[in-house]
Amino acid sequence: NGYGRKNTPKTQTPAIKEGEKADNTPKSDIK
């Protein structure tokens, strides 16, 4: 419940945005 086909939240909250930012950051950019 609350998740779509690609396991992506349907709504945007600060915590979700932060999590998605981290999820979308390439490993090569780890700092």
PDB file of all heavy atoms in Angstrom:
ATOM      1  N   ASN A   1       0.820  -1.203   0.000  1.00  0.00           N
ATOM      2  CA  ASN A   1       0.000   0.000   0.000  1.00  0.00           C
ATOM      3  C   ASN A   1       0.861   1.264   0.000  1.00  0.00           C
ATOM      4  O   ASN A   1       1.784   1.406   0.797  1.00  0.00           O
ATOM      5  CB  ASN A   1      -0.937   0.023   1.209  1.00  0.00           C
ATOM      6  CG  ASN A   1      -2.063  -0.975   1.087  1.00  0.00           C
ATOM      7  OD1 ASN A   1      -2.043  -1.863   0.234  1.00  0.00           O
ATOM      8  ND2 ASN A   1      -3.068  -0.856   1.944  1.00  0.00           N
ATOM      9  N   GLY A   2       0.537   2.166  -0.932  1.00  0.00           N
ATOM     10  CA  GLY A   2       1.267   3.424  -1.032  1.00  0.00           C
ATOM     11  C   GLY A   2       2.396   3.397  -2.034  1.00  0.00           C
ATOM     12  O   GLY A   2       3.073   4.411  -2.221  1.00  0.00           O
ATOM     13  N   TYR A   3       2.603   2.258  -2.692  1.00  0.00           N
ATOM     14  CA  TYR A   3       3.724   2.103  -3.606  1.00  0.00           C
ATOM     15  C   TYR A   3       3.238   1.637  -4.976  1.00  0.00           C
ATOM     16  O   TYR A   3       2.289   0.857  -5.087  1.00  0.00           O
ATOM     17  CB  TYR A   3       4.773   1.143  -3.029  1.00  0.00           C
ATOM     18  CG  TYR A   3       5.414   1.744  -1.801  1.00  0.00           C
ATOM     19  CD1 TYR A   3       4.808   1.620  -0.557  1.00  0.00           C
ATOM     20  CD2 TYR A   3       6.565   2.497  -1.898  1.00  0.00           C
ATOM     21  CE1 TYR A   3       5.343   2.229   0.570  1.00  0.00           C
ATOM     22  CE2 TYR A   3       7.116   3.104  -0.783  1.00  0.00           C
ATOM     23  CZ  TYR A   3       6.502   2.965   0.441  1.00  0.00           C
ATOM     24  OH  TYR A   3       7.042   3.576   1.562  1.00  0.00           O
ATOM     25  N   GLY A   4       3.902   2.118  -6.009  1.00  0.00           N
ATOM     26  CA  GLY A   4       3.513   1.815  -7.368  1.00  0.00           C
ATOM     27  C   GLY A   4       4.265   0.660  -7.966  1.00  0.00           C
ATOM     28  O   GLY A   4       4.945  -0.099  -7.274  1.00  0.00           O
ATOM     29  N   ARG A   5       4.146   0.549  -9.281  1.00  0.00           N
ATOM     30  CA  ARG A   5       4.730  -0.581  -9.985  1.00  0.00           C
ATOM     31  C   ARG A   5       6.229  -0.678  -9.810  1.00  0.00           C
ATOM     32  O   ARG A   5       6.789  -1.763  -9.727  1.00  0.00           O
ATOM     33  CB  ARG A   5       4.403  -0.499 -11.483  1.00  0.00           C
ATOM     34  CG  ARG A   5       2.950  -0.726 -11.823  1.00  0.00           C
ATOM     35  CD  ARG A   5       2.765  -0.755 -13.324  1.00  0.00           C
ATOM     36  NE  ARG A   5       1.393  -1.045 -13.695  1.00  0.00           N
ATOM     37  CZ  ARG A   5       0.981  -1.188 -14.937  1.00  0.00           C
ATOM     38  NH1 ARG A   5       1.846  -1.067 -15.924  1.00  0.00           N
ATOM     39  NH2 ARG A   5      -0.279  -1.455 -15.197  1.00  0.00           N
ATOM     40  N   LYS A   6       6.905   0.470  -9.768  1.00  0.00           N
ATOM     41  CA  LYS A   6       8.353   0.475  -9.661  1.00  0.00           C
ATOM     42  C   LYS A   6       8.811   0.718  -8.231  1.00  0.00           C
ATOM     43  O   LYS A   6       9.923   1.147  -7.988  1.00  0.00           O
ATOM     44  CB  LYS A   6       8.940   1.521 -10.598  1.00  0.00           C
ATOM     45  CG  LYS A   6       8.678   1.241 -12.070  1.00  0.00           C
ATOM     46  CD  LYS A   6       9.324   2.297 -12.947  1.00  0.00           C
ATOM     47  CE  LYS A   6       9.096   1.993 -14.417  1.00  0.00           C
ATOM     48  NZ  LYS A   6       9.727   3.012 -15.303  1.00  0.00           N
ATOM     49  N   ASN A   7       7.939   0.411  -7.284  1.00  0.00           N
ATOM     50  CA  ASN A   7       8.284   0.562  -5.871  1.00  0.00           C
ATOM     51  C   ASN A   7       8.596   2.010  -5.520  1.00  0.00           C
ATOM     52  O   ASN A   7       9.408   2.299  -4.645  1.00  0.00           O
ATOM     53  CB  ASN A   7       9.468  -0.330  -5.496  1.00  0.00           C
ATOM     54  CG  ASN A   7       9.479  -0.704  -4.029  1.00  0.00           C
ATOM     55  OD1 ASN A   7       8.430  -0.890  -3.438  1.00  0.00           O
ATOM     56  ND2 ASN A   7      10.649  -0.828  -3.461  1.00  0.00           N
ATOM     57  N   THR A   8       7.950   2.959  -6.250  1.00  0.00           N
ATOM     58  CA  THR A   8       8.185   4.381  -6.064  1.00  0.00           C
ATOM     59  C   THR A   8       7.021   5.000  -5.300  1.00  0.00           C
ATOM     60  O   THR A   8       5.868   4.819  -5.674  1.00  0.00           O
ATOM     61  CB  THR A   8       8.343   5.090  -7.415  1.00  0.00           C
ATOM     62  OG1 THR A   8       9.425   4.503  -8.128  1.00  0.00           O
ATOM     63  CG2 THR A   8       8.608   6.565  -7.233  1.00  0.00           C
ATOM     64  N   PRO A   9       7.280   5.730  -4.233  1.00  0.00           N
ATOM     65  CA  PRO A   9       6.185   6.378  -3.510  1.00  0.00           C
ATOM     66  C   PRO A   9       5.353   7.287  -4.406  1.00  0.00           C
ATOM     67  O   PRO A   9       5.878   7.960  -5.286  1.00  0.00           O
ATOM     68  CB  PRO A   9       6.924   7.192  -2.443  1.00  0.00           C
ATOM     69  CG  PRO A   9       8.242   6.505  -2.281  1.00  0.00           C
ATOM     70  CD  PRO A   9       8.591   5.974  -3.635  1.00  0.00           C
ATOM     71  N   LYS A  10       4.047   7.299  -4.169  1.00  0.00           N
ATOM     72  CA  LYS A  10       3.137   8.096  -4.963  1.00  0.00           C
ATOM     73  C   LYS A  10       3.125   9.559  -4.544  1.00  0.00           C
ATOM     74  O   LYS A  10       2.655  10.408  -5.290  1.00  0.00           O
ATOM     75  CB  LYS A  10       1.719   7.521  -4.864  1.00  0.00           C
ATOM     76  CG  LYS A  10       1.553   6.129  -5.450  1.00  0.00           C
ATOM     77  CD  LYS A  10       0.133   5.629  -5.253  1.00  0.00           C
ATOM     78  CE  LYS A  10      -0.044   4.234  -5.846  1.00  0.00           C
ATOM     79  NZ  LYS A  10      -1.414   3.700  -5.613  1.00  0.00           N
ATOM     80  N   THR A  11       3.600   9.860  -3.357  1.00  0.00           N
ATOM     81  CA  THR A  11       3.611  11.227  -2.884  1.00  0.00           C
ATOM     82  C   THR A  11       5.037  11.642  -2.538  1.00  0.00           C
ATOM     83  O   THR A  11       5.906  10.815  -2.332  1.00  0.00           O
ATOM     84  CB  THR A  11       2.722  11.390  -1.639  1.00  0.00           C
ATOM     85  OG1 THR A  11       3.139  10.444  -0.642  1.00  0.00           O
ATOM     86  CG2 THR A  11       1.269  11.149  -1.965  1.00  0.00           C
ATOM     87  N   GLN A  12       5.241  12.935  -2.483  1.00  0.00           N
ATOM     88  CA  GLN A  12       6.550  13.473  -2.197  1.00  0.00           C
ATOM     89  C   GLN A  12       6.568  14.107  -0.808  1.00  0.00           C
ATOM     90  O   GLN A  12       5.783  14.999  -0.516  1.00  0.00           O
ATOM     91  CB  GLN A  12       6.948  14.520  -3.240  1.00  0.00           C
ATOM     92  CG  GLN A  12       7.094  13.958  -4.645  1.00  0.00           C
ATOM     93  CD  GLN A  12       8.257  13.001  -4.751  1.00  0.00           C
ATOM     94  OE1 GLN A  12       9.338  13.280  -4.247  1.00  0.00           O
ATOM     95  NE2 GLN A  12       8.044  11.870  -5.401  1.00  0.00           N
ATOM     96  N   THR A  13       7.442  13.648   0.037  1.00  0.00           N
ATOM     97  CA  THR A  13       7.658  14.235   1.355  1.00  0.00           C
ATOM     98  C   THR A  13       9.145  14.491   1.494  1.00  0.00           C
ATOM     99  O   THR A  13       9.952  13.931   0.752  1.00  0.00           O
ATOM    100  CB  THR A  13       7.183  13.308   2.489  1.00  0.00           C
ATOM    101  OG1 THR A  13       8.049  12.154   2.553  1.00  0.00           O
ATOM    102  CG2 THR A  13       5.752  12.833   2.263  1.00  0.00           C
ATOM    103  N   PRO A  14       9.553  15.361   2.431  1.00  0.00           N
ATOM    104  CA  PRO A  14      10.991  15.618   2.590  1.00  0.00           C
ATOM    105  C   PRO A  14      11.826  14.371   2.779  1.00  0.00           C
ATOM    106  O   PRO A  14      12.906  14.247   2.195  1.00  0.00           O
ATOM    107  CB  PRO A  14      11.027  16.530   3.817  1.00  0.00           C
ATOM    108  CG  PRO A  14       9.708  17.246   3.786  1.00  0.00           C
ATOM    109  CD  PRO A  14       8.727  16.240   3.263  1.00  0.00           C
ATOM    110  N   ALA A  15      11.337  13.426   3.604  1.00  0.00           N
ATOM    111  CA  ALA A  15      12.102  12.208   3.838  1.00  0.00           C
ATOM    112  C   ALA A  15      12.218  11.380   2.570  1.00  0.00           C
ATOM    113  O   ALA A  15      13.268  10.812   2.265  1.00  0.00           O
ATOM    114  CB  ALA A  15      11.468  11.390   4.960  1.00  0.00           C
ATOM    115  N   ILE A  16      11.128  11.276   1.823  1.00  0.00           N
ATOM    116  CA  ILE A  16      11.160  10.506   0.587  1.00  0.00           C
ATOM    117  C   ILE A  16      12.074  11.166  -0.437  1.00  0.00           C
ATOM    118  O   ILE A  16      12.843  10.500  -1.131  1.00  0.00           O
ATOM    119  CB  ILE A  16       9.742  10.319   0.036  1.00  0.00           C
ATOM    120  CG1 ILE A  16       8.983   9.306   0.910  1.00  0.00           C
ATOM    121  CG2 ILE A  16       9.765   9.852  -1.404  1.00  0.00           C
ATOM    122  CD1 ILE A  16       7.540   9.145   0.546  1.00  0.00           C
ATOM    123  N   LYS A  17      12.005  12.495  -0.543  1.00  0.00           N
ATOM    124  CA  LYS A  17      12.879  13.198  -1.474  1.00  0.00           C
ATOM    125  C   LYS A  17      14.349  12.946  -1.153  1.00  0.00           C
ATOM    126  O   LYS A  17      15.169  12.736  -2.045  1.00  0.00           O
ATOM    127  CB  LYS A  17      12.574  14.696  -1.443  1.00  0.00           C
ATOM    128  CG  LYS A  17      11.248  15.081  -2.086  1.00  0.00           C
ATOM    129  CD  LYS A  17      11.015  16.585  -1.991  1.00  0.00           C
ATOM    130  CE  LYS A  17       9.699  16.967  -2.645  1.00  0.00           C
ATOM    131  NZ  LYS A  17       9.427  18.424  -2.526  1.00  0.00           N
ATOM    132  N   GLU A  18      14.693  12.990   0.142  1.00  0.00           N
ATOM    133  CA  GLU A  18      16.068  12.742   0.552  1.00  0.00           C
ATOM    134  C   GLU A  18      16.478  11.309   0.218  1.00  0.00           C
ATOM    135  O   GLU A  18      17.588  11.064  -0.260  1.00  0.00           O
ATOM    136  CB  GLU A  18      16.230  13.007   2.048  1.00  0.00           C
ATOM    137  CG  GLU A  18      17.643  12.760   2.576  1.00  0.00           C
ATOM    138  CD  GLU A  18      18.684  13.647   1.944  1.00  0.00           C
ATOM    139  OE1 GLU A  18      18.354  14.787   1.545  1.00  0.00           O
ATOM    140  OE2 GLU A  18      19.854  13.212   1.832  1.00  0.00           O
ATOM    141  N   GLY A  19      15.570  10.364   0.468  1.00  0.00           N
ATOM    142  CA  GLY A  19      15.863   8.977   0.159  1.00  0.00           C
ATOM    143  C   GLY A  19      16.047   8.743  -1.325  1.00  0.00           C
ATOM    144  O   GLY A  19      16.945   8.005  -1.748  1.00  0.00           O
ATOM    145  N   GLU A  20      15.178   9.370  -2.147  1.00  0.00           N
ATOM    146  CA  GLU A  20      15.295   9.214  -3.586  1.00  0.00           C
ATOM    147  C   GLU A  20      16.570   9.865  -4.112  1.00  0.00           C
ATOM    148  O   GLU A  20      17.202   9.365  -5.046  1.00  0.00           O
ATOM    149  CB  GLU A  20      14.065   9.798  -4.267  1.00  0.00           C
ATOM    150  CG  GLU A  20      12.801   8.972  -4.041  1.00  0.00           C
ATOM    151  CD  GLU A  20      11.592   9.553  -4.716  1.00  0.00           C
ATOM    152  OE1 GLU A  20      11.573  10.787  -4.913  1.00  0.00           O
ATOM    153  OE2 GLU A  20      10.671   8.793  -5.050  1.00  0.00           O
ATOM    154  N   LYS A  21      16.966  11.011  -3.524  1.00  0.00           N
ATOM    155  CA  LYS A  21      18.208  11.661  -3.910  1.00  0.00           C
ATOM    156  C   LYS A  21      19.386  10.717  -3.697  1.00  0.00           C
ATOM    157  O   LYS A  21      20.253  10.561  -4.566  1.00  0.00           O
ATOM    158  CB  LYS A  21      18.405  12.947  -3.108  1.00  0.00           C
ATOM    159  CG  LYS A  21      19.738  13.654  -3.359  1.00  0.00           C
ATOM    160  CD  LYS A  21      19.900  14.838  -2.415  1.00  0.00           C
ATOM    161  CE  LYS A  21      21.275  15.483  -2.569  1.00  0.00           C
ATOM    162  NZ  LYS A  21      21.468  16.578  -1.572  1.00  0.00           N
ATOM    163  N   ALA A  22      19.418  10.086  -2.527  1.00  0.00           N
ATOM    164  CA  ALA A  22      20.496   9.142  -2.230  1.00  0.00           C
ATOM    165  C   ALA A  22      20.436   7.943  -3.167  1.00  0.00           C
ATOM    166  O   ALA A  22      21.458   7.462  -3.661  1.00  0.00           O
ATOM    167  CB  ALA A  22      20.407   8.690  -0.777  1.00  0.00           C
ATOM    168  N   ASP A  23      19.218   7.450  -3.429  1.00  0.00           N
ATOM    169  CA  ASP A  23      19.042   6.284  -4.283  1.00  0.00           C
ATOM    170  C   ASP A  23      19.500   6.561  -5.709  1.00  0.00           C
ATOM    171  O   ASP A  23      19.999   5.673  -6.403  1.00  0.00           O
ATOM    172  CB  ASP A  23      17.572   5.856  -4.267  1.00  0.00           C
ATOM    173  CG  ASP A  23      17.349   4.476  -4.868  1.00  0.00           C
ATOM    174  OD1 ASP A  23      18.213   3.597  -4.697  1.00  0.00           O
ATOM    175  OD2 ASP A  23      16.293   4.263  -5.493  1.00  0.00           O
ATOM    176  N   ASN A  24      19.334   7.814  -6.170  1.00  0.00           N
ATOM    177  CA  ASN A  24      19.683   8.184  -7.538  1.00  0.00           C
ATOM    178  C   ASN A  24      21.122   8.679  -7.695  1.00  0.00           C
ATOM    179  O   ASN A  24      21.549   8.989  -8.801  1.00  0.00           O
ATOM    180  CB  ASN A  24      18.722   9.259  -8.040  1.00  0.00           C
ATOM    181  CG  ASN A  24      17.296   8.741  -8.195  1.00  0.00           C
ATOM    182  OD1 ASN A  24      17.086   7.575  -8.501  1.00  0.00           O
ATOM    183  ND2 ASN A  24      16.310   9.610  -7.957  1.00  0.00           N
ATOM    184  N   THR A  25      21.858   8.766  -6.592  1.00  0.00           N
ATOM    185  CA  THR A  25      23.253   9.218  -6.662  1.00  0.00           C
ATOM    186  C   THR A  25      24.154   8.055  -7.079  1.00  0.00           C
ATOM    187  O   THR A  25      24.161   7.009  -6.436  1.00  0.00           O
ATOM    188  CB  THR A  25      23.722   9.762  -5.298  1.00  0.00           C
ATOM    189  OG1 THR A  25      22.897  10.873  -4.911  1.00  0.00           O
ATOM    190  CG2 THR A  25      25.167  10.222  -5.368  1.00  0.00           C
ATOM    191  N   PRO A  26      24.909   8.192  -8.159  1.00  0.00           N
ATOM    192  CA  PRO A  26      25.802   7.102  -8.573  1.00  0.00           C
ATOM    193  C   PRO A  26      26.857   6.800  -7.514  1.00  0.00           C
ATOM    194  O   PRO A  26      27.331   7.708  -6.816  1.00  0.00           O
ATOM    195  CB  PRO A  26      26.456   7.662  -9.848  1.00  0.00           C
ATOM    196  CG  PRO A  26      25.596   8.798 -10.285  1.00  0.00           C
ATOM    197  CD  PRO A  26      24.983   9.363  -9.055  1.00  0.00           C
ATOM    198  N   LYS A  27      27.230   5.543  -7.408  1.00  0.00           N
ATOM    199  CA  LYS A  27      28.243   5.160  -6.429  1.00  0.00           C
ATOM    200  C   LYS A  27      29.573   5.861  -6.680  1.00  0.00           C
ATOM    201  O   LYS A  27      30.345   6.083  -5.758  1.00  0.00           O
ATOM    202  CB  LYS A  27      28.418   3.644  -6.423  1.00  0.00           C
ATOM    203  CG  LYS A  27      27.202   2.885  -5.898  1.00  0.00           C
ATOM    204  CD  LYS A  27      27.465   1.402  -5.840  1.00  0.00           C
ATOM    205  CE  LYS A  27      26.244   0.658  -5.292  1.00  0.00           C
ATOM    206  NZ  LYS A  27      26.485  -0.802  -5.182  1.00  0.00           N
ATOM    207  N   SER A  28      29.814   6.218  -7.935  1.00  0.00           N
ATOM    208  CA  SER A  28      31.058   6.909  -8.256  1.00  0.00           C
ATOM    209  C   SER A  28      31.136   8.284  -7.605  1.00  0.00           C
ATOM    210  O   SER A  28      32.220   8.850  -7.471  1.00  0.00           O
ATOM    211  CB  SER A  28      31.211   7.055  -9.778  1.00  0.00           C
ATOM    212  OG  SER A  28      30.098   7.754 -10.339  1.00  0.00           O
ATOM    213  N   ASP A  29      29.966   8.827  -7.175  1.00  0.00           N
ATOM    214  CA  ASP A  29      29.919  10.158  -6.579  1.00  0.00           C
ATOM    215  C   ASP A  29      29.959  10.130  -5.059  1.00  0.00           C
ATOM    216  O   ASP A  29      29.757  11.168  -4.413  1.00  0.00           O
ATOM    217  CB  ASP A  29      28.659  10.905  -7.044  1.00  0.00           C
ATOM    218  CG  ASP A  29      28.691  11.256  -8.522  1.00  0.00           C
ATOM    219  OD1 ASP A  29      29.789  11.203  -9.122  1.00  0.00           O
ATOM    220  OD2 ASP A  29      27.623  11.577  -9.084  1.00  0.00           O
ATOM    221  N   ILE A  30      30.172   8.977  -4.452  1.00  0.00           N
ATOM    222  CA  ILE A  30      30.270   8.906  -2.994  1.00  0.00           C
ATOM    223  C   ILE A  30      31.373   9.835  -2.518  1.00  0.00           C
ATOM    224  O   ILE A  30      32.477   9.846  -3.066  1.00  0.00           O
ATOM    225  CB  ILE A  30      30.557   7.467  -2.521  1.00  0.00           C
ATOM    226  CG1 ILE A  30      29.388   6.542  -2.864  1.00  0.00           C
ATOM    227  CG2 ILE A  30      30.816   7.443  -1.012  1.00  0.00           C
ATOM    228  CD1 ILE A  30      29.654   5.080  -2.513  1.00  0.00           C
ATOM    229  N   LYS A  31      31.076  10.629  -1.484  1.00  0.00           N
ATOM    230  CA  LYS A  31      32.053  11.578  -0.974  1.00  0.00           C
ATOM    231  C   LYS A  31      32.133  11.494   0.548  1.00  0.00           C
ATOM    232  O   LYS A  31      31.295  10.863   1.200  1.00  0.00           O
ATOM    233  CB  LYS A  31      31.680  13.007  -1.398  1.00  0.00           C
ATOM    234  CG  LYS A  31      30.358  13.508  -0.858  1.00  0.00           C
ATOM    235  CD  LYS A  31      30.051  14.887  -1.375  1.00  0.00           C
ATOM    236  CE  LYS A  31      28.730  15.425  -0.831  1.00  0.00           C
ATOM    237  NZ  LYS A  31      27.560  14.584  -1.224  1.00  0.00           N
TER     238      LYS A  31
END
